[in-house]
């Protein structure tokens, strides 16, 4: 609106109810952006997951001093 592309600002402000015209423009913009985000998410559903260790925070396991074999088994599994 600040750059006045195609004299759109002049058209909106010349109207009796500029809020409705501005609201319709914003509604169309929101629909366009949300549709592209949804389309991107849908197309990413079939993508294969990368191989390697799992991403994200690990799980904390409480262990005692005598639990070294269990700790090693958990370490090898992750």
C-alpha atoms as a PDB file:
ATOM      1  CA  UNK A   1       0.000   0.000   0.000  1.00  0.00           C
ATOM      2  CA  UNK A   2       2.882   2.395   0.693  1.00  0.00           C
ATOM      3  CA  UNK A   3       4.292   2.068  -2.827  1.00  0.00           C
ATOM      4  CA  UNK A   4       0.844   2.421  -4.442  1.00  0.00           C
ATOM      5  CA  UNK A   5       1.320  -0.285  -7.121  1.00  0.00           C
ATOM      6  CA  UNK A   6      -1.167   0.146  -9.954  1.00  0.00           C
ATOM      7  CA  UNK A   7      -2.832   3.031  -8.061  1.00  0.00           C
ATOM      8  CA  UNK A   8      -4.460   0.484  -5.747  1.00  0.00           C
ATOM      9  CA  UNK A   9      -4.105   2.767  -2.720  1.00  0.00           C
ATOM     10  CA  UNK A  10      -5.919   5.567  -4.539  1.00  0.00           C
ATOM     11  CA  UNK A  11      -8.729   3.205  -5.523  1.00  0.00           C
ATOM     12  CA  UNK A  12      -9.148   1.857  -1.994  1.00  0.00           C
ATOM     13  CA  UNK A  13      -9.093   5.274  -0.332  1.00  0.00           C
ATOM     14  CA  UNK A  14     -11.511   6.749  -2.894  1.00  0.00           C
ATOM     15  CA  UNK A  15     -14.134   4.165  -1.950  1.00  0.00           C
ATOM     16  CA  UNK A  16     -16.883   4.934   0.603  1.00  0.00           C
ATOM     17  CA  UNK A  17     -15.886   1.915   2.713  1.00  0.00           C
ATOM     18  CA  UNK A  18     -12.134   1.377   2.329  1.00  0.00           C
ATOM     19  CA  UNK A  19     -12.062  -1.102   5.202  1.00  0.00           C
ATOM     20  CA  UNK A  20     -14.043  -3.684   3.235  1.00  0.00           C
ATOM     21  CA  UNK A  21     -11.731  -3.454   0.217  1.00  0.00           C
ATOM     22  CA  UNK A  22      -8.662  -3.695   2.425  1.00  0.00           C
ATOM     23  CA  UNK A  23     -10.186  -6.617   4.314  1.00  0.00           C
ATOM     24  CA  UNK A  24     -10.876  -8.495   1.085  1.00  0.00           C
ATOM     25  CA  UNK A  25      -7.298  -7.937  -0.066  1.00  0.00           C
ATOM     26  CA  UNK A  26      -5.916  -9.183   3.253  1.00  0.00           C
ATOM     27  CA  UNK A  27      -8.239 -12.189   3.222  1.00  0.00           C
ATOM     28  CA  UNK A  28      -7.037 -13.161  -0.258  1.00  0.00           C
ATOM     29  CA  UNK A  29      -3.419 -12.754   0.847  1.00  0.00           C
ATOM     30  CA  UNK A  30      -3.950 -14.968   3.897  1.00  0.00           C
ATOM     31  CA  UNK A  31      -5.686 -17.656   1.815  1.00  0.00           C
ATOM     32  CA  UNK A  32      -2.850 -17.622  -0.733  1.00  0.00           C
ATOM     33  CA  UNK A  33      -0.082 -17.940   1.859  1.00  0.00           C
ATOM     34  CA  UNK A  34      -1.863 -20.634   3.869  1.00  0.00           C
ATOM     35  CA  UNK A  35      -2.668 -22.623   0.713  1.00  0.00           C
ATOM     36  CA  UNK A  36       0.973 -22.629  -0.320  1.00  0.00           C
ATOM     37  CA  UNK A  37       2.036 -23.762   3.171  1.00  0.00           C
ATOM     38  CA  UNK A  38      -0.547 -26.568   3.118  1.00  0.00           C
ATOM     39  CA  UNK A  39       0.502 -27.643  -0.389  1.00  0.00           C
ATOM     40  CA  UNK A  40       4.147 -27.750   0.675  1.00  0.00           C
ATOM     41  CA  UNK A  41       3.262 -29.881   3.699  1.00  0.00           C
ATOM     42  CA  UNK A  42       1.190 -32.298   1.601  1.00  0.00           C
ATOM     43  CA  UNK A  43       3.961 -32.705  -0.974  1.00  0.00           C
ATOM     44  CA  UNK A  44       6.484 -33.398   1.800  1.00  0.00           C
ATOM     45  CA  UNK A  45       4.456 -36.326   3.178  1.00  0.00           C
ATOM     46  CA  UNK A  46       5.867 -38.852   0.704  1.00  0.00           C
ATOM     47  CA  UNK A  47       9.490 -37.761   1.125  1.00  0.00           C
ATOM     48  CA  UNK A  48      11.832 -40.356   2.588  1.00  0.00           C
ATOM     49  CA  UNK A  49      13.309 -39.735   5.993  1.00  0.00           C
ATOM     50  CA  UNK A  50      17.086 -39.248   6.096  1.00  0.00           C
ATOM     51  CA  UNK A  51      19.159 -42.196   7.271  1.00  0.00           C
ATOM     52  CA  UNK A  52      21.255 -41.935  10.377  1.00  0.00           C
ATOM     53  CA  UNK A  53      20.692 -41.291  14.047  1.00  0.00           C
ATOM     54  CA  UNK A  54      17.336 -39.892  15.121  1.00  0.00           C
ATOM     55  CA  UNK A  55      17.113 -36.137  15.364  1.00  0.00           C
ATOM     56  CA  UNK A  56      15.839 -34.234  18.344  1.00  0.00           C
ATOM     57  CA  UNK A  57      16.462 -34.492  22.045  1.00  0.00           C
ATOM     58  CA  UNK A  58      17.534 -37.865  23.406  1.00  0.00           C
ATOM     59  CA  UNK A  59      15.885 -39.711  26.247  1.00  0.00           C
ATOM     60  CA  UNK A  60      17.349 -39.407  29.716  1.00  0.00           C
ATOM     61  CA  UNK A  61      17.826 -42.710  31.528  1.00  0.00           C
ATOM     62  CA  UNK A  62      18.535 -42.904  35.236  1.00  0.00           C
ATOM     63  CA  UNK A  63      21.196 -45.465  36.032  1.00  0.00           C
ATOM     64  CA  UNK A  64      23.010 -46.729  39.069  1.00  0.00           C
ATOM     65  CA  UNK A  65      26.718 -47.501  39.371  1.00  0.00           C
ATOM     66  CA  UNK A  66      26.135 -51.198  38.609  1.00  0.00           C
ATOM     67  CA  UNK A  67      24.075 -50.559  35.450  1.00  0.00           C
ATOM     68  CA  UNK A  68      26.972 -50.189  33.001  1.00  0.00           C
ATOM     69  CA  UNK A  69      25.855 -53.067  30.741  1.00  0.00           C
ATOM     70  CA  UNK A  70      22.339 -51.643  30.401  1.00  0.00           C
ATOM     71  CA  UNK A  71      23.808 -48.233  29.647  1.00  0.00           C
ATOM     72  CA  UNK A  72      26.035 -49.718  26.937  1.00  0.00           C
ATOM     73  CA  UNK A  73      23.050 -51.550  25.405  1.00  0.00           C
ATOM     74  CA  UNK A  74      21.026 -48.324  25.299  1.00  0.00           C
ATOM     75  CA  UNK A  75      23.978 -46.448  23.826  1.00  0.00           C
ATOM     76  CA  UNK A  76      24.393 -49.061  21.077  1.00  0.00           C
ATOM     77  CA  UNK A  77      20.687 -48.976  20.295  1.00  0.00           C
ATOM     78  CA  UNK A  78      20.607 -45.200  19.801  1.00  0.00           C
END
